[in-house]
Amino acid sequence: MTKLYLGLSCYIDMAKFTALCCCLMLCLGYLEAARMSRYVVQWRQFDCFNHWGIVKNVSCRVDSTNEQWLSADFELSSTVEAVRLKYKLVVPRMLATKTDMVLFESELDGCKLLRDGVAQNRLVGIVLKNMLKDSNLARRCPVAPGQLYFHNVSCLDGFPAFLPETEFTAYLNFYAANGNDNVQTILRGNIMEYHRARLKQHFF
């Protein structure tokens, strides 16, 4: 029988120790799954502002029948060789100051993000994964001309548990290589407990 020495003449059976660790990991997994099943992201606003000449017919919207879904459609009249993404997430401070706090803000290479499918910021990676679930966007650059779409985006899938119930505003700005042409998007929503969201939909 293998034992682990913990000091002060204290030993623990390795098999029992391993079983205990596995049990703790399993419990934490169940707690996380339960937490995620209780919460929804309810969108209030999804606006797009197009300042890029080759981007046409932009439509950004919250689903009228399900406020947990976002959709966007647009048309490219020319090939996009490169794109930069600037993003910022803002939440209210937990004080009576009525001021906002920037939770994170950064910039990255959009083509690299598409190609690798991962990002240093976990939230950005989660958003990208959910956006591409129902989209015809190529997973690499250059992006060819044509009609492109992102439909039924629900960003709670895989969402981390560190954010409490809160309002938030996300800014996503897509820039051309020249730094001038861009499409700016603003998303506002709430992370809400599932039953609270259902009551709000029913009565309001």
Protein backbone atom coordinates (compact mmCIF):
# COMPACT_ATOMS: atom_id res chain seq x y z
CA MET A 1 0.00 0.00 0.00
CA THR A 2 1.49 3.35 -1.07
CA LYS A 3 1.33 6.14 1.48
CA LEU A 4 2.05 9.86 1.19
CA TYR A 5 4.07 11.48 4.01
CA LEU A 6 2.62 14.87 5.03
CA GLY A 7 5.05 15.67 7.84
CA LEU A 8 4.62 15.49 11.63
CA SER A 9 4.38 11.69 11.37
CA CYS A 10 1.22 12.01 9.30
CA TYR A 11 0.63 9.57 6.46
CA ILE A 12 -2.29 9.23 4.06
CA ASP A 13 -3.18 6.32 1.81
CA MET A 14 -2.41 7.39 -1.81
CA ALA A 15 -5.41 5.55 -3.22
CA LYS A 16 -7.73 7.32 -0.79
CA PHE A 17 -6.00 10.64 -1.48
CA THR A 18 -6.46 10.20 -5.25
CA ALA A 19 -10.10 9.24 -4.79
CA LEU A 20 -10.67 12.30 -2.60
CA CYS A 21 -9.11 14.61 -5.24
CA CYS A 22 -11.26 13.08 -7.99
CA CYS A 23 -14.36 13.48 -5.84
CA LEU A 24 -13.58 17.15 -5.19
CA MET A 25 -12.99 17.82 -8.90
CA LEU A 26 -16.26 16.09 -9.79
CA CYS A 27 -18.17 18.11 -7.19
CA LEU A 28 -16.68 21.36 -8.47
CA GLY A 29 -17.66 20.38 -12.00
CA TYR A 30 -21.24 19.72 -10.92
CA LEU A 31 -21.38 23.03 -9.06
CA GLU A 32 -20.12 24.90 -12.12
CA ALA A 33 -22.62 23.14 -14.39
CA ALA A 34 -25.45 23.91 -11.98
CA ARG A 35 -24.41 27.54 -11.80
CA MET A 36 -24.28 27.87 -15.57
CA SER A 37 -27.66 26.18 -16.02
CA ARG A 38 -29.19 28.79 -13.69
CA TYR A 39 -27.98 31.86 -15.57
CA VAL A 40 -28.72 33.44 -18.93
CA VAL A 41 -27.39 36.39 -20.88
CA GLN A 42 -30.32 38.62 -21.79
CA TRP A 43 -29.45 41.09 -24.53
CA ARG A 44 -30.96 44.57 -24.60
CA GLN A 45 -29.11 46.21 -27.49
CA PHE A 46 -26.97 45.23 -30.47
CA ASP A 47 -25.99 48.17 -32.68
CA CYS A 48 -23.54 48.28 -35.58
CA PHE A 49 -22.03 51.43 -37.09
CA ASN A 50 -20.47 50.87 -40.49
CA HIS A 51 -17.58 53.12 -41.58
CA TRP A 52 -15.98 50.63 -43.98
CA GLY A 53 -16.63 51.16 -47.68
CA ILE A 54 -16.49 47.49 -48.71
CA VAL A 55 -19.00 46.43 -46.02
CA LYS A 56 -22.61 46.73 -47.19
CA ASN A 57 -26.13 46.01 -45.95
CA VAL A 58 -25.20 45.59 -42.29
CA SER A 59 -27.94 44.26 -40.01
CA CYS A 60 -27.32 43.67 -36.28
CA ARG A 61 -30.19 42.67 -34.03
CA VAL A 62 -31.40 40.99 -30.87
CA ASP A 63 -33.81 38.17 -31.68
CA SER A 64 -37.35 39.48 -31.22
CA THR A 65 -38.61 36.15 -29.86
CA ASN A 66 -35.61 35.21 -27.71
CA GLU A 67 -33.49 37.91 -26.08
CA GLN A 68 -30.74 35.35 -25.44
CA TRP A 69 -29.82 35.31 -29.15
CA LEU A 70 -27.99 37.76 -31.39
CA SER A 71 -27.77 37.75 -35.17
CA ALA A 72 -25.86 39.79 -37.74
CA ASP A 73 -25.74 39.84 -41.53
CA PHE A 74 -23.55 41.87 -43.87
CA GLU A 75 -22.07 41.81 -47.35
CA LEU A 76 -18.45 42.21 -48.44
CA SER A 77 -17.94 43.78 -51.86
CA SER A 78 -14.17 43.13 -51.83
CA THR A 79 -11.72 40.72 -50.24
CA VAL A 80 -10.56 41.47 -46.70
CA GLU A 81 -6.86 40.66 -46.39
CA ALA A 82 -6.40 41.66 -42.75
CA VAL A 83 -8.47 42.93 -39.85
CA ARG A 84 -7.75 44.14 -36.32
CA LEU A 85 -10.16 43.77 -33.41
CA LYS A 86 -10.39 46.15 -30.46
CA TYR A 87 -12.64 45.09 -27.61
CA LYS A 88 -13.70 46.41 -24.23
CA LEU A 89 -16.04 45.09 -21.55
CA VAL A 90 -17.58 47.57 -19.11
CA VAL A 91 -19.62 46.78 -15.98
CA PRO A 92 -21.13 49.03 -13.29
CA ARG A 93 -19.13 49.49 -10.11
CA MET A 94 -20.66 47.85 -7.05
CA LEU A 95 -20.98 51.24 -5.39
CA ALA A 96 -23.42 54.12 -5.32
CA THR A 97 -21.12 56.22 -7.51
CA LYS A 98 -23.00 55.30 -10.70
CA THR A 99 -19.69 55.00 -12.53
CA ASP A 100 -18.53 52.20 -14.79
CA MET A 101 -15.49 49.96 -14.53
CA VAL A 102 -13.55 48.65 -17.53
CA LEU A 103 -13.21 44.94 -16.82
CA PHE A 104 -10.77 44.46 -19.67
CA GLU A 105 -9.69 46.18 -22.87
CA SER A 106 -7.30 45.02 -25.56
CA GLU A 107 -6.54 44.70 -29.27
CA LEU A 108 -5.64 41.66 -31.34
CA ASP A 109 -5.08 40.34 -34.85
CA GLY A 110 -8.47 39.19 -36.13
CA CYS A 111 -6.99 36.90 -38.78
CA LYS A 112 -4.79 35.14 -36.22
CA LEU A 113 -7.82 34.73 -33.97
CA LEU A 114 -9.79 33.12 -36.81
CA ARG A 115 -6.91 30.86 -37.78
CA ASP A 116 -5.98 29.66 -34.29
CA GLY A 117 -9.47 29.68 -32.76
CA VAL A 118 -8.05 30.69 -29.38
CA ALA A 119 -7.29 33.96 -27.61
CA GLN A 120 -5.26 34.95 -24.57
CA ASN A 121 -8.43 36.39 -23.06
CA ARG A 122 -10.74 33.50 -22.26
CA LEU A 123 -13.93 35.54 -22.72
CA VAL A 124 -12.90 36.57 -26.24
CA GLY A 125 -12.27 32.94 -27.13
CA ILE A 126 -15.69 31.94 -25.80
CA VAL A 127 -17.42 34.71 -27.76
CA LEU A 128 -15.61 33.70 -30.98
CA LYS A 129 -16.53 30.03 -30.51
CA ASN A 130 -20.20 30.89 -30.04
CA MET A 131 -20.21 33.31 -32.98
CA LEU A 132 -18.86 30.67 -35.36
CA LYS A 133 -21.38 27.98 -34.37
CA ASP A 134 -23.93 29.20 -36.92
CA SER A 135 -21.90 31.28 -39.35
CA ASN A 136 -20.55 30.98 -42.87
CA LEU A 137 -17.47 33.10 -42.09
CA ALA A 138 -14.23 31.51 -43.27
CA ARG A 139 -11.90 30.38 -40.48
CA ARG A 140 -8.96 32.16 -42.06
CA CYS A 141 -7.96 35.27 -43.99
CA PRO A 142 -8.33 36.51 -46.63
CA VAL A 143 -12.12 36.66 -46.34
CA ALA A 144 -13.71 36.46 -49.78
CA PRO A 145 -16.50 38.80 -50.96
CA GLY A 146 -20.08 37.71 -50.47
CA GLN A 147 -22.96 37.59 -48.03
CA LEU A 148 -21.87 36.65 -44.50
CA TYR A 149 -23.85 35.95 -41.36
CA PHE A 150 -23.74 35.11 -37.65
CA HIS A 151 -27.05 33.70 -36.43
CA ASN A 152 -28.45 32.76 -33.01
CA VAL A 153 -25.33 33.70 -31.06
CA SER A 154 -25.73 32.89 -27.37
CA CYS A 155 -22.57 33.81 -25.48
CA LEU A 156 -23.29 31.97 -22.23
CA ASP A 157 -22.03 28.62 -23.55
CA GLY A 158 -18.74 28.08 -21.75
CA PHE A 159 -19.04 31.41 -19.94
CA PRO A 160 -16.89 31.57 -16.79
CA ALA A 161 -18.54 31.74 -13.39
CA PHE A 162 -16.66 34.70 -11.94
CA LEU A 163 -19.16 37.32 -13.13
CA PRO A 164 -22.17 37.84 -10.83
CA GLU A 165 -25.59 39.02 -11.95
CA THR A 166 -24.82 42.34 -13.58
CA GLU A 167 -25.42 44.66 -16.47
CA PHE A 168 -22.61 45.00 -18.98
CA THR A 169 -21.65 46.79 -22.18
CA ALA A 170 -19.29 45.28 -24.74
CA TYR A 171 -17.58 47.28 -27.48
CA LEU A 172 -16.20 45.37 -30.48
CA ASN A 173 -14.52 47.41 -33.19
CA PHE A 174 -13.21 45.82 -36.39
CA TYR A 175 -10.54 47.81 -38.22
CA ALA A 176 -9.01 47.52 -41.67
CA ALA A 177 -5.24 47.35 -42.07
CA ASN A 178 -5.15 51.08 -42.89
CA GLY A 179 -6.54 51.86 -39.42
CA ASN A 180 -9.29 54.11 -40.79
CA ASP A 181 -12.06 51.91 -42.19
CA ASN A 182 -13.99 50.18 -39.43
CA VAL A 183 -17.22 48.64 -38.20
CA GLN A 184 -18.09 49.45 -34.59
CA THR A 185 -20.50 47.38 -32.53
CA ILE A 186 -22.08 48.00 -29.14
CA LEU A 187 -23.76 45.24 -27.16
CA ARG A 188 -25.65 45.80 -23.92
CA GLY A 189 -27.13 43.07 -21.79
CA ASN A 190 -27.60 41.48 -18.41
CA ILE A 191 -26.35 38.30 -16.82
CA MET A 192 -29.46 37.13 -14.98
CA GLU A 193 -30.69 34.18 -12.97
CA TYR A 194 -32.86 32.05 -15.28
CA HIS A 195 -36.14 32.31 -13.35
CA ARG A 196 -35.70 36.05 -12.86
CA ALA A 197 -35.28 36.43 -16.62
CA ARG A 198 -38.41 34.35 -17.24
CA LEU A 199 -40.44 36.53 -14.85
CA LYS A 200 -39.14 39.68 -16.51
CA GLN A 201 -40.15 38.40 -19.95
CA HIS A 202 -43.58 37.38 -18.68
CA PHE A 203 -44.50 40.59 -16.86
CA PHE A 204 -42.60 43.22 -18.84
